[in-house]
């Protein structure tokens, strides 16, 4: 089947890749290995730009290298959301000795990716750009968009949990079928250590 793949980049990274050696991931190879009987049409990768942190000053450069690597794949489109930081008061699990029960903290959230995935999934379905849609995420916020594509537009939509376990209940109900990513496919879907784009050489980050 002509298949579009919609990847929740942060869900994939934090749930599946962060503590592994598979972060230098060629998502086209992964899609081919995961769906060997289908024609991979377009892959949309949803993420947001991160900033360096005091405890991780190289995170922005590593992400930039990876996004450049993804852009070498002709059928991959990167759709960016954004990060939002707010100062909010949060309750302490145990009050301090002086009676303080809450403290201001900086809360950083990635915004936009779940909405962007839902919009692109439905928009592409309306335009009949695919016969089958695959969502790589375990975010239940995507359930309604998946259900609408399946029920109203009569398109087969599968969900793959990045973690090797069942998808959450809402996604299982909404989707045509569900599964999870396989470690062997992740291992066999790595970019070469060095690639080249119009800017120059792209090197796999040494800490990866």
C-alpha atoms as a PDB file:
ATOM      1  CA  UNK A   1       0.000   0.000   0.000  1.00  0.00           C
ATOM      2  CA  UNK A   2       1.090   3.593  -0.603  1.00  0.00           C
ATOM      3  CA  UNK A   3       2.044   4.602   2.928  1.00  0.00           C
ATOM      4  CA  UNK A   4       2.740   7.892   4.689  1.00  0.00           C
ATOM      5  CA  UNK A   5       4.554   7.796   8.033  1.00  0.00           C
ATOM      6  CA  UNK A   6       4.040  10.440  10.738  1.00  0.00           C
ATOM      7  CA  UNK A   7       6.725  10.453  13.442  1.00  0.00           C
ATOM      8  CA  UNK A   8       6.385  12.157  16.813  1.00  0.00           C
ATOM      9  CA  UNK A   9      10.082  12.983  17.153  1.00  0.00           C
ATOM     10  CA  UNK A  10      10.175  13.738  20.872  1.00  0.00           C
ATOM     11  CA  UNK A  11       8.007  10.759  21.779  1.00  0.00           C
ATOM     12  CA  UNK A  12      10.281   8.527  19.709  1.00  0.00           C
ATOM     13  CA  UNK A  13      13.427   9.996  21.248  1.00  0.00           C
ATOM     14  CA  UNK A  14      12.462  10.057  24.923  1.00  0.00           C
ATOM     15  CA  UNK A  15      10.473   6.814  24.971  1.00  0.00           C
ATOM     16  CA  UNK A  16      12.676   4.712  22.711  1.00  0.00           C
ATOM     17  CA  UNK A  17      16.068   6.161  21.726  1.00  0.00           C
ATOM     18  CA  UNK A  18      17.478   8.375  24.487  1.00  0.00           C
ATOM     19  CA  UNK A  19      19.261   5.653  26.487  1.00  0.00           C
ATOM     20  CA  UNK A  20      20.319   3.577  23.473  1.00  0.00           C
ATOM     21  CA  UNK A  21      22.979   3.677  20.756  1.00  0.00           C
ATOM     22  CA  UNK A  22      20.297   3.958  18.049  1.00  0.00           C
ATOM     23  CA  UNK A  23      19.819   7.744  18.054  1.00  0.00           C
ATOM     24  CA  UNK A  24      21.495   8.238  14.638  1.00  0.00           C
ATOM     25  CA  UNK A  25      18.334   6.810  13.092  1.00  0.00           C
ATOM     26  CA  UNK A  26      17.578   6.664   9.375  1.00  0.00           C
ATOM     27  CA  UNK A  27      13.776   6.854   9.534  1.00  0.00           C
ATOM     28  CA  UNK A  28      13.335   5.786   5.907  1.00  0.00           C
ATOM     29  CA  UNK A  29      15.212   2.530   6.506  1.00  0.00           C
ATOM     30  CA  UNK A  30      13.211   2.040   9.699  1.00  0.00           C
ATOM     31  CA  UNK A  31       9.939   2.472   7.794  1.00  0.00           C
ATOM     32  CA  UNK A  32      11.042   0.016   5.117  1.00  0.00           C
ATOM     33  CA  UNK A  33      12.043  -2.623   7.660  1.00  0.00           C
ATOM     34  CA  UNK A  34       8.911  -2.080   9.747  1.00  0.00           C
ATOM     35  CA  UNK A  35       6.569  -2.203   6.720  1.00  0.00           C
ATOM     36  CA  UNK A  36       8.360  -4.460   4.206  1.00  0.00           C
ATOM     37  CA  UNK A  37       5.286  -5.083   2.056  1.00  0.00           C
ATOM     38  CA  UNK A  38       4.357  -1.427   1.595  1.00  0.00           C
ATOM     39  CA  UNK A  39       5.582   1.478  -0.532  1.00  0.00           C
ATOM     40  CA  UNK A  40       6.886   4.268   1.697  1.00  0.00           C
ATOM     41  CA  UNK A  41       5.613   7.458   0.086  1.00  0.00           C
ATOM     42  CA  UNK A  42       6.312  10.334   2.447  1.00  0.00           C
ATOM     43  CA  UNK A  43       7.699  10.536   5.973  1.00  0.00           C
ATOM     44  CA  UNK A  44       6.892  13.561   8.140  1.00  0.00           C
ATOM     45  CA  UNK A  45       9.027  14.092  11.224  1.00  0.00           C
ATOM     46  CA  UNK A  46       7.620  16.414  13.889  1.00  0.00           C
ATOM     47  CA  UNK A  47       9.936  18.056  16.409  1.00  0.00           C
ATOM     48  CA  UNK A  48      11.057  21.385  17.915  1.00  0.00           C
ATOM     49  CA  UNK A  49      14.456  23.007  18.229  1.00  0.00           C
ATOM     50  CA  UNK A  50      16.112  22.571  21.603  1.00  0.00           C
ATOM     51  CA  UNK A  51      18.534  24.946  23.348  1.00  0.00           C
ATOM     52  CA  UNK A  52      21.761  24.121  25.132  1.00  0.00           C
ATOM     53  CA  UNK A  53      21.422  23.514  28.853  1.00  0.00           C
ATOM     54  CA  UNK A  54      24.011  24.006  31.615  1.00  0.00           C
ATOM     55  CA  UNK A  55      24.189  20.255  32.164  1.00  0.00           C
ATOM     56  CA  UNK A  56      24.194  19.495  28.414  1.00  0.00           C
ATOM     57  CA  UNK A  57      25.856  22.284  26.399  1.00  0.00           C
ATOM     58  CA  UNK A  58      26.007  20.239  23.181  1.00  0.00           C
ATOM     59  CA  UNK A  59      22.380  19.228  22.828  1.00  0.00           C
ATOM     60  CA  UNK A  60      21.454  21.881  20.228  1.00  0.00           C
ATOM     61  CA  UNK A  61      24.412  20.973  17.989  1.00  0.00           C
ATOM     62  CA  UNK A  62      23.620  17.251  18.208  1.00  0.00           C
ATOM     63  CA  UNK A  63      20.030  17.902  17.217  1.00  0.00           C
ATOM     64  CA  UNK A  64      21.142  20.134  14.344  1.00  0.00           C
ATOM     65  CA  UNK A  65      23.437  17.395  13.024  1.00  0.00           C
ATOM     66  CA  UNK A  66      20.610  14.883  13.185  1.00  0.00           C
ATOM     67  CA  UNK A  67      18.081  17.140  11.444  1.00  0.00           C
ATOM     68  CA  UNK A  68      20.634  17.803   8.699  1.00  0.00           C
ATOM     69  CA  UNK A  69      21.057  14.039   8.315  1.00  0.00           C
ATOM     70  CA  UNK A  70      17.282  13.603   8.024  1.00  0.00           C
ATOM     71  CA  UNK A  71      17.133  16.280   5.328  1.00  0.00           C
ATOM     72  CA  UNK A  72      19.406  14.167   3.112  1.00  0.00           C
ATOM     73  CA  UNK A  73      16.506  11.721   2.760  1.00  0.00           C
ATOM     74  CA  UNK A  74      14.434  12.807  -0.266  1.00  0.00           C
ATOM     75  CA  UNK A  75      11.055  11.695   1.077  1.00  0.00           C
ATOM     76  CA  UNK A  76      11.419  13.158   4.589  1.00  0.00           C
ATOM     77  CA  UNK A  77       9.855  16.471   5.611  1.00  0.00           C
ATOM     78  CA  UNK A  78      10.611  18.055   8.996  1.00  0.00           C
ATOM     79  CA  UNK A  79       7.765  20.029  10.605  1.00  0.00           C
ATOM     80  CA  UNK A  80       8.868  22.109  13.583  1.00  0.00           C
ATOM     81  CA  UNK A  81       6.900  23.182  16.624  1.00  0.00           C
ATOM     82  CA  UNK A  82       8.453  25.206  19.427  1.00  0.00           C
ATOM     83  CA  UNK A  83       9.395  25.149  23.083  1.00  0.00           C
ATOM     84  CA  UNK A  84       7.691  27.353  25.639  1.00  0.00           C
ATOM     85  CA  UNK A  85       9.114  28.121  29.061  1.00  0.00           C
ATOM     86  CA  UNK A  86       6.982  29.564  31.872  1.00  0.00           C
ATOM     87  CA  UNK A  87       7.533  30.175  35.558  1.00  0.00           C
ATOM     88  CA  UNK A  88       4.840  28.274  37.443  1.00  0.00           C
ATOM     89  CA  UNK A  89       4.257  27.415  41.072  1.00  0.00           C
ATOM     90  CA  UNK A  90       4.321  23.717  41.821  1.00  0.00           C
ATOM     91  CA  UNK A  91       3.385  21.938  45.012  1.00  0.00           C
ATOM     92  CA  UNK A  92       6.145  20.163  46.941  1.00  0.00           C
ATOM     93  CA  UNK A  93       5.707  16.504  47.769  1.00  0.00           C
ATOM     94  CA  UNK A  94       6.935  17.259  51.303  1.00  0.00           C
ATOM     95  CA  UNK A  95       6.615  20.772  52.796  1.00  0.00           C
ATOM     96  CA  UNK A  96       9.847  22.477  53.836  1.00  0.00           C
ATOM     97  CA  UNK A  97      10.761  23.005  57.484  1.00  0.00           C
ATOM     98  CA  UNK A  98       9.525  26.594  57.313  1.00  0.00           C
ATOM     99  CA  UNK A  99       6.097  25.481  56.131  1.00  0.00           C
ATOM    100  CA  UNK A 100       6.611  26.244  52.416  1.00  0.00           C
ATOM    101  CA  UNK A 101       4.313  24.012  50.358  1.00  0.00           C
ATOM    102  CA  UNK A 102       5.094  25.234  46.833  1.00  0.00           C
ATOM    103  CA  UNK A 103       7.926  26.884  44.916  1.00  0.00           C
ATOM    104  CA  UNK A 104       8.250  28.639  41.541  1.00  0.00           C
ATOM    105  CA  UNK A 105       9.900  26.492  38.862  1.00  0.00           C
ATOM    106  CA  UNK A 106      10.693  26.925  35.177  1.00  0.00           C
ATOM    107  CA  UNK A 107       8.460  24.567  33.211  1.00  0.00           C
ATOM    108  CA  UNK A 108       9.521  23.900  29.622  1.00  0.00           C
ATOM    109  CA  UNK A 109       7.100  22.219  27.237  1.00  0.00           C
ATOM    110  CA  UNK A 110       7.297  21.243  23.600  1.00  0.00           C
ATOM    111  CA  UNK A 111       4.291  22.775  21.869  1.00  0.00           C
ATOM    112  CA  UNK A 112       2.672  22.111  18.548  1.00  0.00           C
ATOM    113  CA  UNK A 113       3.787  18.655  17.482  1.00  0.00           C
ATOM    114  CA  UNK A 114       0.614  16.776  18.448  1.00  0.00           C
ATOM    115  CA  UNK A 115      -1.553  19.376  16.690  1.00  0.00           C
ATOM    116  CA  UNK A 116       0.749  19.386  13.659  1.00  0.00           C
ATOM    117  CA  UNK A 117       0.639  15.592  13.386  1.00  0.00           C
ATOM    118  CA  UNK A 118      -3.151  15.580  13.592  1.00  0.00           C
ATOM    119  CA  UNK A 119      -3.508  18.326  10.978  1.00  0.00           C
ATOM    120  CA  UNK A 120      -1.086  16.758   8.497  1.00  0.00           C
ATOM    121  CA  UNK A 121      -2.549  13.272   8.963  1.00  0.00           C
ATOM    122  CA  UNK A 122      -6.076  14.508   8.171  1.00  0.00           C
ATOM    123  CA  UNK A 123      -5.072  17.018   5.482  1.00  0.00           C
ATOM    124  CA  UNK A 124      -3.053  14.427   3.565  1.00  0.00           C
ATOM    125  CA  UNK A 125      -5.914  11.945   3.944  1.00  0.00           C
ATOM    126  CA  UNK A 126      -8.446  14.427   2.520  1.00  0.00           C
ATOM    127  CA  UNK A 127      -6.158  14.994  -0.459  1.00  0.00           C
ATOM    128  CA  UNK A 128      -5.752  11.204  -0.898  1.00  0.00           C
ATOM    129  CA  UNK A 129      -1.981  11.409  -0.624  1.00  0.00           C
ATOM    130  CA  UNK A 130      -1.760   7.942   0.905  1.00  0.00           C
ATOM    131  CA  UNK A 131      -3.664   4.678   1.152  1.00  0.00           C
ATOM    132  CA  UNK A 132      -2.298   3.838   4.585  1.00  0.00           C
ATOM    133  CA  UNK A 133      -1.080   6.112   7.350  1.00  0.00           C
ATOM    134  CA  UNK A 134       1.344   5.069  10.077  1.00  0.00           C
ATOM    135  CA  UNK A 135       1.745   7.099  13.267  1.00  0.00           C
ATOM    136  CA  UNK A 136       4.839   6.448  15.386  1.00  0.00           C
ATOM    137  CA  UNK A 137       3.844   7.726  18.808  1.00  0.00           C
ATOM    138  CA  UNK A 138       2.112   6.653  21.989  1.00  0.00           C
ATOM    139  CA  UNK A 139       0.490  10.055  22.595  1.00  0.00           C
ATOM    140  CA  UNK A 140      -3.222   9.595  23.250  1.00  0.00           C
ATOM    141  CA  UNK A 141      -3.888  13.198  22.130  1.00  0.00           C
ATOM    142  CA  UNK A 142      -3.667  11.854  18.564  1.00  0.00           C
ATOM    143  CA  UNK A 143      -6.507   9.374  19.008  1.00  0.00           C
ATOM    144  CA  UNK A 144      -9.326  11.529  17.632  1.00  0.00           C
ATOM    145  CA  UNK A 145      -7.457  12.496  14.465  1.00  0.00           C
ATOM    146  CA  UNK A 146      -6.636   8.829  13.873  1.00  0.00           C
ATOM    147  CA  UNK A 147     -10.257   7.826  14.472  1.00  0.00           C
ATOM    148  CA  UNK A 148     -11.556  10.469  12.034  1.00  0.00           C
ATOM    149  CA  UNK A 149      -9.156   9.381   9.304  1.00  0.00           C
ATOM    150  CA  UNK A 150     -10.178   5.755   9.779  1.00  0.00           C
ATOM    151  CA  UNK A 151     -13.940   6.146  10.267  1.00  0.00           C
ATOM    152  CA  UNK A 152     -14.856   9.227   8.235  1.00  0.00           C
ATOM    153  CA  UNK A 153     -12.258   9.032   5.456  1.00  0.00           C
ATOM    154  CA  UNK A 154     -12.094   5.220   5.333  1.00  0.00           C
ATOM    155  CA  UNK A 155      -8.296   5.126   5.412  1.00  0.00           C
ATOM    156  CA  UNK A 156      -6.257   2.457   7.144  1.00  0.00           C
ATOM    157  CA  UNK A 157      -4.294   3.985  10.020  1.00  0.00           C
ATOM    158  CA  UNK A 158      -1.763   2.020  12.065  1.00  0.00           C
ATOM    159  CA  UNK A 159      -0.069   3.118  15.268  1.00  0.00           C
ATOM    160  CA  UNK A 160       3.375   1.959  16.380  1.00  0.00           C
ATOM    161  CA  UNK A 161       4.392   2.514  19.986  1.00  0.00           C
ATOM    162  CA  UNK A 162       8.079   3.527  20.086  1.00  0.00           C
ATOM    163  CA  UNK A 163       8.354   1.462  23.258  1.00  0.00           C
ATOM    164  CA  UNK A 164       8.233  -2.372  22.966  1.00  0.00           C
ATOM    165  CA  UNK A 165       4.796  -2.695  24.540  1.00  0.00           C
ATOM    166  CA  UNK A 166       1.133  -2.249  23.612  1.00  0.00           C
ATOM    167  CA  UNK A 167      -0.104   1.200  22.617  1.00  0.00           C
ATOM    168  CA  UNK A 168      -2.299   2.998  25.115  1.00  0.00           C
ATOM    169  CA  UNK A 169      -5.980   2.101  25.065  1.00  0.00           C
ATOM    170  CA  UNK A 170      -7.230   5.250  23.292  1.00  0.00           C
ATOM    171  CA  UNK A 171      -4.874   4.709  20.362  1.00  0.00           C
ATOM    172  CA  UNK A 172      -5.699   0.996  20.136  1.00  0.00           C
ATOM    173  CA  UNK A 173      -9.406   1.817  19.872  1.00  0.00           C
ATOM    174  CA  UNK A 174      -8.867   4.604  17.333  1.00  0.00           C
ATOM    175  CA  UNK A 175      -6.488   2.816  14.966  1.00  0.00           C
ATOM    176  CA  UNK A 176      -7.037   0.165  12.329  1.00  0.00           C
ATOM    177  CA  UNK A 177      -4.175  -1.821  13.855  1.00  0.00           C
ATOM    178  CA  UNK A 178      -1.384  -1.284  16.342  1.00  0.00           C
ATOM    179  CA  UNK A 179       2.090  -2.626  17.051  1.00  0.00           C
ATOM    180  CA  UNK A 180       5.460  -1.438  18.370  1.00  0.00           C
ATOM    181  CA  UNK A 181       8.936  -0.766  17.032  1.00  0.00           C
ATOM    182  CA  UNK A 182      11.405  -3.650  17.047  1.00  0.00           C
ATOM    183  CA  UNK A 183      14.931  -3.194  18.404  1.00  0.00           C
ATOM    184  CA  UNK A 184      16.502  -5.191  15.576  1.00  0.00           C
ATOM    185  CA  UNK A 185      14.989  -2.791  13.035  1.00  0.00           C
ATOM    186  CA  UNK A 186      16.318   0.205  14.984  1.00  0.00           C
ATOM    187  CA  UNK A 187      19.795  -1.340  15.057  1.00  0.00           C
ATOM    188  CA  UNK A 188      19.696  -1.987  11.293  1.00  0.00           C
ATOM    189  CA  UNK A 189      18.431   1.512  10.446  1.00  0.00           C
ATOM    190  CA  UNK A 190      21.422   3.664  11.356  1.00  0.00           C
ATOM    191  CA  UNK A 191      22.905   6.389   9.159  1.00  0.00           C
ATOM    192  CA  UNK A 192      26.590   6.102   8.180  1.00  0.00           C
ATOM    193  CA  UNK A 193      28.857   7.894  10.637  1.00  0.00           C
ATOM    194  CA  UNK A 194      29.434  10.649   8.055  1.00  0.00           C
ATOM    195  CA  UNK A 195      27.111  12.093   5.424  1.00  0.00           C
ATOM    196  CA  UNK A 196      27.291  15.136   3.167  1.00  0.00           C
ATOM    197  CA  UNK A 197      24.782  17.855   2.350  1.00  0.00           C
ATOM    198  CA  UNK A 198      24.994  21.237   0.579  1.00  0.00           C
ATOM    199  CA  UNK A 199      26.646  22.768   3.653  1.00  0.00           C
ATOM    200  CA  UNK A 200      29.344  20.119   4.001  1.00  0.00           C
ATOM    201  CA  UNK A 201      30.078  17.056   6.118  1.00  0.00           C
ATOM    202  CA  UNK A 202      27.578  15.808   8.683  1.00  0.00           C
ATOM    203  CA  UNK A 203      29.193  13.810  11.470  1.00  0.00           C
ATOM    204  CA  UNK A 204      27.453  11.542  13.909  1.00  0.00           C
ATOM    205  CA  UNK A 205      27.848  13.193  17.348  1.00  0.00           C
ATOM    206  CA  UNK A 206      30.654  11.519  19.259  1.00  0.00           C
ATOM    207  CA  UNK A 207      28.563  11.192  22.402  1.00  0.00           C
ATOM    208  CA  UNK A 208      25.958   9.203  20.469  1.00  0.00           C
END
